[in-house]
Amino acid sequence: MSKRLSVMKHFQTIKPLLDFGEAVHHQAGLERPMVELMLLRVSQINGCAYCLDMHSKDARAAGEIEQRLYLVSGWREAGSLYSDRERAALAWGEAVTRLGEHGVSDDVYELARAAFSEEELVNLTLLVGLINTWNRINVAFQTPAGSYKSPVKQAA
């Protein structure tokens, strides 16, 4: 296996993507625990070890409990462990990530519209697109997982 380039050596090239991510995260009006769970789930689908490491650490630092992190891939069967809003975000994240398989069904859209305002749903969709982009960058360049340190403040 060949050693891949480090995308962080090209910081100026990816800086607009980092800035976009910061802007969406801050203006989204979405609960951080829900967002981290959705980012984690999309990263599972895409097999991005770096993003799995990052978002599990950020979620824990923000106060997420281990059980919800462990069960996020089986959220449909996890009963009331996830709120209706979180379940809508997870369904939306999966559907938007897997557009080529089945698109976004009317059922998933209606579930999301019942849980989110128009602005929130647009922001959630931008976050799904953003994590898919980061997943693709990190998987393509085989960014090593494990060394990420969360800047998120520990929840009180």
N, C-alpha and C. Protein backbone atom coordinates (compact mmCIF):
# COMPACT_ATOMS: atom_id res chain seq x y z
N MET A 1 0.85 -1.19 0.00
CA MET A 1 0.00 0.00 0.00
C MET A 1 0.89 1.24 0.00
N SER A 2 0.60 2.17 -0.85
CA SER A 2 1.40 3.39 -0.93
C SER A 2 0.98 4.38 0.16
N LYS A 3 1.95 5.19 0.58
CA LYS A 3 1.66 6.24 1.56
C LYS A 3 0.97 7.37 0.82
N ARG A 4 -0.18 7.78 1.34
CA ARG A 4 -0.96 8.85 0.70
C ARG A 4 -0.51 10.21 1.23
N LEU A 5 -0.83 11.23 0.47
CA LEU A 5 -0.49 12.58 0.90
C LEU A 5 -1.35 13.00 2.09
N SER A 6 -0.85 13.94 2.84
CA SER A 6 -1.60 14.50 3.96
C SER A 6 -2.34 15.74 3.47
N VAL A 7 -3.67 15.68 3.53
CA VAL A 7 -4.48 16.80 3.06
C VAL A 7 -4.20 18.07 3.88
N MET A 8 -3.81 17.90 5.14
CA MET A 8 -3.53 19.07 5.99
C MET A 8 -2.29 19.84 5.53
N LYS A 9 -1.45 19.23 4.72
CA LYS A 9 -0.32 19.96 4.14
C LYS A 9 -0.80 20.99 3.12
N HIS A 10 -2.05 20.87 2.75
CA HIS A 10 -2.65 21.78 1.77
C HIS A 10 -3.76 22.59 2.45
N PHE A 11 -3.41 23.12 3.60
CA PHE A 11 -4.37 23.82 4.45
C PHE A 11 -5.07 24.95 3.71
N GLN A 12 -4.34 25.76 2.97
CA GLN A 12 -4.95 26.89 2.27
C GLN A 12 -5.99 26.43 1.25
N THR A 13 -5.79 25.26 0.69
CA THR A 13 -6.74 24.72 -0.28
C THR A 13 -8.03 24.28 0.40
N ILE A 14 -7.92 23.67 1.58
CA ILE A 14 -9.12 23.17 2.27
C ILE A 14 -9.71 24.18 3.26
N LYS A 15 -9.03 25.30 3.47
CA LYS A 15 -9.53 26.29 4.43
C LYS A 15 -10.96 26.76 4.14
N PRO A 16 -11.35 26.99 2.89
CA PRO A 16 -12.74 27.37 2.64
C PRO A 16 -13.74 26.31 3.13
N LEU A 17 -13.37 25.05 3.01
CA LEU A 17 -14.24 23.98 3.50
C LEU A 17 -14.32 24.00 5.03
N LEU A 18 -13.20 24.25 5.68
CA LEU A 18 -13.18 24.38 7.14
C LEU A 18 -14.03 25.58 7.59
N ASP A 19 -13.89 26.70 6.90
CA ASP A 19 -14.66 27.90 7.23
C ASP A 19 -16.16 27.67 7.02
N PHE A 20 -16.50 27.00 5.92
CA PHE A 20 -17.90 26.67 5.65
C PHE A 20 -18.47 25.81 6.78
N GLY A 21 -17.70 24.82 7.20
CA GLY A 21 -18.13 23.96 8.29
C GLY A 21 -18.38 24.72 9.58
N GLU A 22 -17.47 25.62 9.91
CA GLU A 22 -17.65 26.45 11.11
C GLU A 22 -18.92 27.28 11.01
N ALA A 23 -19.13 27.90 9.87
CA ALA A 23 -20.31 28.75 9.68
C ALA A 23 -21.60 27.95 9.81
N VAL A 24 -21.66 26.79 9.18
CA VAL A 24 -22.88 25.98 9.24
C VAL A 24 -23.13 25.49 10.66
N HIS A 25 -22.08 25.02 11.33
CA HIS A 25 -22.24 24.54 12.71
C HIS A 25 -22.77 25.63 13.63
N HIS A 26 -22.30 26.86 13.44
CA HIS A 26 -22.70 27.94 14.34
C HIS A 26 -24.07 28.53 14.01
N GLN A 27 -24.49 28.48 12.78
CA GLN A 27 -25.77 29.08 12.43
C GLN A 27 -26.89 28.06 12.32
N ALA A 28 -26.56 26.80 12.44
CA ALA A 28 -27.53 25.74 12.16
C ALA A 28 -28.75 25.75 13.06
N GLY A 29 -28.62 26.18 14.33
CA GLY A 29 -29.76 26.14 15.24
C GLY A 29 -30.15 24.72 15.61
N LEU A 30 -29.21 23.79 15.48
CA LEU A 30 -29.47 22.38 15.75
C LEU A 30 -28.70 21.96 17.00
N GLU A 31 -29.27 21.04 17.75
CA GLU A 31 -28.65 20.59 18.99
C GLU A 31 -27.36 19.84 18.69
N ARG A 32 -26.30 20.20 19.38
CA ARG A 32 -25.00 19.58 19.13
C ARG A 32 -25.02 18.05 19.29
N PRO A 33 -25.63 17.50 20.36
CA PRO A 33 -25.63 16.03 20.47
C PRO A 33 -26.28 15.34 19.27
N MET A 34 -27.37 15.89 18.78
CA MET A 34 -28.05 15.33 17.62
C MET A 34 -27.15 15.42 16.39
N VAL A 35 -26.52 16.56 16.20
CA VAL A 35 -25.64 16.75 15.05
C VAL A 35 -24.49 15.76 15.10
N GLU A 36 -23.86 15.60 16.27
CA GLU A 36 -22.73 14.67 16.39
C GLU A 36 -23.17 13.24 16.09
N LEU A 37 -24.35 12.85 16.56
CA LEU A 37 -24.86 11.50 16.27
C LEU A 37 -25.06 11.31 14.76
N MET A 38 -25.62 12.32 14.11
CA MET A 38 -25.86 12.23 12.67
C MET A 38 -24.53 12.18 11.91
N LEU A 39 -23.56 13.00 12.31
CA LEU A 39 -22.25 12.99 11.66
C LEU A 39 -21.56 11.65 11.86
N LEU A 40 -21.72 11.09 13.04
CA LEU A 40 -21.16 9.78 13.34
C LEU A 40 -21.80 8.70 12.46
N ARG A 41 -23.12 8.75 12.34
CA ARG A 41 -23.83 7.73 11.55
C ARG A 41 -23.44 7.81 10.07
N VAL A 42 -23.38 8.99 9.52
CA VAL A 42 -22.99 9.14 8.11
C VAL A 42 -21.56 8.64 7.92
N SER A 43 -20.69 8.94 8.87
CA SER A 43 -19.30 8.47 8.77
C SER A 43 -19.22 6.95 8.86
N GLN A 44 -20.12 6.33 9.61
CA GLN A 44 -20.18 4.86 9.63
C GLN A 44 -20.53 4.33 8.25
N ILE A 45 -21.55 4.92 7.64
CA ILE A 45 -21.99 4.48 6.31
C ILE A 45 -20.84 4.57 5.32
N ASN A 46 -20.08 5.65 5.39
CA ASN A 46 -19.00 5.89 4.44
C ASN A 46 -17.68 5.24 4.83
N GLY A 47 -17.63 4.63 6.01
CA GLY A 47 -16.42 3.94 6.44
C GLY A 47 -15.24 4.85 6.68
N CYS A 48 -15.48 6.04 7.21
CA CYS A 48 -14.41 7.01 7.46
C CYS A 48 -13.93 6.91 8.91
N ALA A 49 -12.82 6.21 9.11
CA ALA A 49 -12.29 6.00 10.46
C ALA A 49 -11.90 7.32 11.12
N TYR A 50 -11.29 8.23 10.36
CA TYR A 50 -10.89 9.50 10.95
C TYR A 50 -12.10 10.26 11.50
N CYS A 51 -13.17 10.32 10.71
CA CYS A 51 -14.38 11.05 11.14
C CYS A 51 -15.10 10.32 12.26
N LEU A 52 -15.07 8.99 12.26
CA LEU A 52 -15.65 8.23 13.37
C LEU A 52 -14.92 8.57 14.67
N ASP A 53 -13.60 8.60 14.61
CA ASP A 53 -12.79 8.97 15.77
C ASP A 53 -13.14 10.38 16.24
N MET A 54 -13.17 11.32 15.29
CA MET A 54 -13.44 12.71 15.62
C MET A 54 -14.82 12.90 16.25
N HIS A 55 -15.84 12.39 15.59
CA HIS A 55 -17.20 12.69 16.06
C HIS A 55 -17.60 11.90 17.29
N SER A 56 -17.00 10.74 17.50
CA SER A 56 -17.26 10.04 18.76
C SER A 56 -16.60 10.80 19.92
N LYS A 57 -15.42 11.33 19.70
CA LYS A 57 -14.73 12.10 20.75
C LYS A 57 -15.44 13.42 21.01
N ASP A 58 -15.87 14.11 19.94
CA ASP A 58 -16.60 15.37 20.13
C ASP A 58 -17.93 15.13 20.85
N ALA A 59 -18.60 14.06 20.48
CA ALA A 59 -19.88 13.74 21.13
C ALA A 59 -19.68 13.45 22.62
N ARG A 60 -18.66 12.65 22.95
CA ARG A 60 -18.38 12.37 24.36
C ARG A 60 -18.02 13.65 25.11
N ALA A 61 -17.20 14.49 24.50
CA ALA A 61 -16.79 15.74 25.15
C ALA A 61 -17.99 16.66 25.38
N ALA A 62 -18.99 16.55 24.51
CA ALA A 62 -20.20 17.38 24.66
C ALA A 62 -21.21 16.74 25.61
N GLY A 63 -20.85 15.58 26.20
CA GLY A 63 -21.70 14.97 27.21
C GLY A 63 -22.51 13.77 26.75
N GLU A 64 -22.29 13.30 25.52
CA GLU A 64 -23.04 12.15 25.03
C GLU A 64 -22.67 10.90 25.81
N ILE A 65 -23.66 10.02 26.03
CA ILE A 65 -23.40 8.78 26.76
C ILE A 65 -22.94 7.69 25.80
N GLU A 66 -22.12 6.80 26.32
CA GLU A 66 -21.54 5.73 25.51
C GLU A 66 -22.61 4.88 24.82
N GLN A 67 -23.66 4.53 25.52
CA GLN A 67 -24.68 3.63 24.97
C GLN A 67 -25.25 4.17 23.66
N ARG A 68 -25.53 5.48 23.62
CA ARG A 68 -26.10 6.07 22.41
C ARG A 68 -25.07 6.07 21.27
N LEU A 69 -23.80 6.21 21.59
CA LEU A 69 -22.76 6.15 20.56
C LEU A 69 -22.64 4.73 20.02
N TYR A 70 -22.66 3.75 20.91
CA TYR A 70 -22.52 2.35 20.49
C TYR A 70 -23.70 1.89 19.63
N LEU A 71 -24.88 2.39 19.91
CA LEU A 71 -26.08 1.89 19.25
C LEU A 71 -26.54 2.73 18.05
N VAL A 72 -25.82 3.78 17.71
CA VAL A 72 -26.30 4.67 16.66
C VAL A 72 -26.47 3.96 15.31
N SER A 73 -25.67 2.95 15.03
CA SER A 73 -25.87 2.25 13.75
C SER A 73 -27.16 1.43 13.75
N GLY A 74 -27.70 1.13 14.92
CA GLY A 74 -28.97 0.40 15.02
C GLY A 74 -30.07 1.26 15.61
N TRP A 75 -30.03 2.55 15.32
CA TRP A 75 -30.96 3.50 15.96
C TRP A 75 -32.42 3.14 15.73
N ARG A 76 -32.75 2.54 14.62
CA ARG A 76 -34.15 2.19 14.35
C ARG A 76 -34.68 1.17 15.36
N GLU A 77 -33.81 0.27 15.81
CA GLU A 77 -34.20 -0.78 16.73
C GLU A 77 -33.96 -0.40 18.20
N ALA A 78 -33.42 0.77 18.43
CA ALA A 78 -33.01 1.16 19.79
C ALA A 78 -34.14 1.77 20.61
N GLY A 79 -35.36 1.69 20.13
CA GLY A 79 -36.50 2.18 20.91
C GLY A 79 -36.41 3.65 21.22
N SER A 80 -36.67 3.99 22.45
CA SER A 80 -36.75 5.40 22.86
C SER A 80 -35.40 5.98 23.26
N LEU A 81 -34.32 5.29 22.96
CA LEU A 81 -32.99 5.80 23.28
C LEU A 81 -32.69 7.10 22.53
N TYR A 82 -33.33 7.27 21.38
CA TYR A 82 -33.18 8.48 20.57
C TYR A 82 -34.53 9.17 20.46
N SER A 83 -34.52 10.50 20.54
CA SER A 83 -35.76 11.27 20.44
C SER A 83 -36.31 11.21 19.01
N ASP A 84 -37.56 11.62 18.84
CA ASP A 84 -38.15 11.67 17.50
C ASP A 84 -37.36 12.59 16.59
N ARG A 85 -36.90 13.71 17.12
CA ARG A 85 -36.11 14.66 16.33
C ARG A 85 -34.77 14.04 15.92
N GLU A 86 -34.12 13.34 16.84
CA GLU A 86 -32.86 12.67 16.51
C GLU A 86 -33.08 11.58 15.46
N ARG A 87 -34.16 10.84 15.60
CA ARG A 87 -34.48 9.78 14.65
C ARG A 87 -34.73 10.38 13.26
N ALA A 88 -35.38 11.52 13.21
CA ALA A 88 -35.61 12.20 11.93
C ALA A 88 -34.28 12.66 11.33
N ALA A 89 -33.38 13.17 12.16
CA ALA A 89 -32.07 13.61 11.67
C ALA A 89 -31.25 12.43 11.16
N LEU A 90 -31.29 11.32 11.87
CA LEU A 90 -30.55 10.14 11.45
C LEU A 90 -31.11 9.58 10.14
N ALA A 91 -32.43 9.53 10.03
CA ALA A 91 -33.05 9.05 8.78
C ALA A 91 -32.69 9.97 7.62
N TRP A 92 -32.74 11.29 7.86
CA TRP A 92 -32.40 12.26 6.82
C TRP A 92 -30.94 12.10 6.41
N GLY A 93 -30.05 12.02 7.38
CA GLY A 93 -28.63 11.86 7.09
C GLY A 93 -28.34 10.62 6.26
N GLU A 94 -28.98 9.51 6.62
CA GLU A 94 -28.81 8.27 5.85
C GLU A 94 -29.33 8.41 4.43
N ALA A 95 -30.53 8.97 4.29
CA ALA A 95 -31.14 9.08 2.96
C ALA A 95 -30.35 10.02 2.05
N VAL A 96 -29.92 11.15 2.56
CA VAL A 96 -29.16 12.10 1.75
C VAL A 96 -27.79 11.51 1.40
N THR A 97 -27.21 10.74 2.29
CA THR A 97 -25.92 10.09 2.01
C THR A 97 -26.07 9.02 0.95
N ARG A 98 -27.18 8.30 0.95
CA ARG A 98 -27.39 7.19 0.03
C ARG A 98 -28.30 7.57 -1.15
N LEU A 99 -28.19 8.78 -1.63
CA LEU A 99 -29.04 9.26 -2.72
C LEU A 99 -29.06 8.31 -3.91
N GLY A 100 -27.92 7.77 -4.25
CA GLY A 100 -27.83 6.91 -5.42
C GLY A 100 -28.55 5.58 -5.26
N GLU A 101 -28.83 5.18 -4.03
CA GLU A 101 -29.51 3.91 -3.79
C GLU A 101 -31.02 4.04 -3.91
N HIS A 102 -31.60 5.01 -3.21
CA HIS A 102 -33.07 5.14 -3.24
C HIS A 102 -33.56 6.57 -3.17
N GLY A 103 -32.69 7.54 -3.28
CA GLY A 103 -33.12 8.93 -3.16
C GLY A 103 -33.59 9.22 -1.75
N VAL A 104 -34.39 10.27 -1.61
CA VAL A 104 -34.99 10.61 -0.32
C VAL A 104 -36.49 10.40 -0.48
N SER A 105 -37.00 9.41 0.22
CA SER A 105 -38.42 9.07 0.08
C SER A 105 -39.31 10.16 0.66
N ASP A 106 -40.55 10.16 0.24
CA ASP A 106 -41.53 11.09 0.80
C ASP A 106 -41.70 10.86 2.29
N ASP A 107 -41.64 9.61 2.73
CA ASP A 107 -41.77 9.31 4.16
C ASP A 107 -40.66 9.95 4.97
N VAL A 108 -39.41 9.82 4.49
CA VAL A 108 -38.28 10.41 5.20
C VAL A 108 -38.39 11.94 5.17
N TYR A 109 -38.78 12.48 4.04
CA TYR A 109 -38.95 13.94 3.93
C TYR A 109 -40.02 14.43 4.92
N GLU A 110 -41.15 13.77 4.95
CA GLU A 110 -42.23 14.18 5.86
C GLU A 110 -41.82 14.06 7.32
N LEU A 111 -41.08 13.03 7.65
CA LEU A 111 -40.56 12.86 9.01
C LEU A 111 -39.65 14.03 9.37
N ALA A 112 -38.77 14.38 8.44
CA ALA A 112 -37.85 15.50 8.68
C ALA A 112 -38.59 16.83 8.77
N ARG A 113 -39.56 17.05 7.90
CA ARG A 113 -40.32 18.31 7.93
C ARG A 113 -41.14 18.45 9.21
N ALA A 114 -41.58 17.34 9.77
CA ALA A 114 -42.32 17.39 11.03
C ALA A 114 -41.40 17.73 12.20
N ALA A 115 -40.12 17.42 12.07
CA ALA A 115 -39.18 17.61 13.17
C ALA A 115 -38.37 18.91 13.07
N PHE A 116 -38.24 19.47 11.87
CA PHE A 116 -37.37 20.61 11.66
C PHE A 116 -38.06 21.73 10.90
N SER A 117 -37.69 22.96 11.23
CA SER A 117 -38.15 24.11 10.44
C SER A 117 -37.45 24.04 9.08
N GLU A 118 -37.91 24.84 8.14
CA GLU A 118 -37.28 24.87 6.82
C GLU A 118 -35.79 25.21 6.94
N GLU A 119 -35.48 26.23 7.72
CA GLU A 119 -34.08 26.65 7.88
C GLU A 119 -33.25 25.55 8.53
N GLU A 120 -33.80 24.90 9.54
CA GLU A 120 -33.07 23.81 10.19
C GLU A 120 -32.82 22.66 9.23
N LEU A 121 -33.81 22.34 8.38
CA LEU A 121 -33.64 21.24 7.45
C LEU A 121 -32.60 21.58 6.38
N VAL A 122 -32.57 22.81 5.94
CA VAL A 122 -31.52 23.23 5.00
C VAL A 122 -30.16 23.10 5.68
N ASN A 123 -30.04 23.58 6.91
CA ASN A 123 -28.76 23.49 7.62
C ASN A 123 -28.37 22.04 7.88
N LEU A 124 -29.32 21.20 8.24
CA LEU A 124 -29.03 19.78 8.44
C LEU A 124 -28.52 19.15 7.14
N THR A 125 -29.13 19.52 6.03
CA THR A 125 -28.72 19.00 4.72
C THR A 125 -27.31 19.47 4.37
N LEU A 126 -27.00 20.72 4.68
CA LEU A 126 -25.63 21.22 4.46
C LEU A 126 -24.63 20.43 5.29
N LEU A 127 -25.00 20.11 6.54
CA LEU A 127 -24.11 19.32 7.40
C LEU A 127 -23.91 17.91 6.84
N VAL A 128 -24.97 17.31 6.31
CA VAL A 128 -24.85 15.98 5.70
C VAL A 128 -23.90 16.06 4.50
N GLY A 129 -24.08 17.06 3.66
CA GLY A 129 -23.20 17.23 2.51
C GLY A 129 -21.76 17.46 2.93
N LEU A 130 -21.58 18.25 3.97
CA LEU A 130 -20.24 18.56 4.47
C LEU A 130 -19.55 17.31 5.00
N ILE A 131 -20.24 16.52 5.82
CA ILE A 131 -19.59 15.31 6.36
C ILE A 131 -19.33 14.31 5.26
N ASN A 132 -20.20 14.23 4.26
CA ASN A 132 -19.92 13.35 3.13
C ASN A 132 -18.66 13.79 2.39
N THR A 133 -18.46 15.09 2.24
CA THR A 133 -17.25 15.61 1.60
C THR A 133 -16.02 15.25 2.42
N TRP A 134 -16.07 15.50 3.74
CA TRP A 134 -14.93 15.17 4.60
C TRP A 134 -14.67 13.67 4.61
N ASN A 135 -15.72 12.85 4.63
CA ASN A 135 -15.54 11.40 4.58
C ASN A 135 -14.78 11.02 3.32
N ARG A 136 -15.17 11.57 2.20
CA ARG A 136 -14.53 11.23 0.94
C ARG A 136 -13.07 11.68 0.90
N ILE A 137 -12.79 12.86 1.42
CA ILE A 137 -11.41 13.35 1.48
C ILE A 137 -10.57 12.42 2.37
N ASN A 138 -11.06 12.13 3.55
CA ASN A 138 -10.27 11.34 4.50
C ASN A 138 -10.12 9.88 4.08
N VAL A 139 -11.15 9.31 3.47
CA VAL A 139 -11.03 7.93 2.98
C VAL A 139 -10.08 7.89 1.78
N ALA A 140 -10.22 8.83 0.86
CA ALA A 140 -9.37 8.84 -0.34
C ALA A 140 -7.89 8.97 0.01
N PHE A 141 -7.58 9.81 1.00
CA PHE A 141 -6.18 10.03 1.38
C PHE A 141 -5.76 9.19 2.58
N GLN A 142 -6.65 8.29 3.03
CA GLN A 142 -6.38 7.40 4.16
C GLN A 142 -5.82 8.16 5.36
N THR A 143 -6.53 9.23 5.75
CA THR A 143 -6.13 10.01 6.91
C THR A 143 -6.17 9.10 8.13
N PRO A 144 -5.05 8.98 8.86
CA PRO A 144 -5.01 8.06 9.99
C PRO A 144 -5.93 8.51 11.13
N ALA A 145 -6.60 7.54 11.72
CA ALA A 145 -7.50 7.80 12.85
C ALA A 145 -6.75 7.59 14.16
N GLY A 146 -7.29 8.19 15.21
CA GLY A 146 -6.79 7.92 16.55
C GLY A 146 -6.13 9.06 17.27
N SER A 147 -5.63 10.03 16.54
CA SER A 147 -4.88 11.10 17.19
C SER A 147 -5.70 12.37 17.44
N TYR A 148 -6.93 12.40 16.97
CA TYR A 148 -7.77 13.59 17.11
C TYR A 148 -8.02 13.93 18.58
N LYS A 149 -7.91 15.21 18.91
CA LYS A 149 -8.23 15.73 20.25
C LYS A 149 -9.38 16.70 20.11
N SER A 150 -10.44 16.48 20.86
CA SER A 150 -11.62 17.32 20.74
C SER A 150 -11.43 18.69 21.38
N PRO A 151 -11.79 19.75 20.63
CA PRO A 151 -11.75 21.09 21.21
C PRO A 151 -13.05 21.41 21.96
N VAL A 152 -14.02 20.50 21.91
CA VAL A 152 -15.32 20.72 22.55
C VAL A 152 -15.13 20.71 24.06
N LYS A 153 -15.76 21.69 24.71
CA LYS A 153 -15.70 21.77 26.17
C LYS A 153 -16.55 20.65 26.77
N GLN A 154 -16.03 20.02 27.80
CA GLN A 154 -16.76 18.97 28.50
C GLN A 154 -18.07 19.53 29.05
N ALA A 155 -19.17 18.82 28.83
CA ALA A 155 -20.47 19.25 29.34
C ALA A 155 -20.46 19.22 30.85
N ALA A 156 -21.17 20.17 31.43
CA ALA A 156 -21.22 20.25 32.90
C ALA A 156 -22.15 19.22 33.48
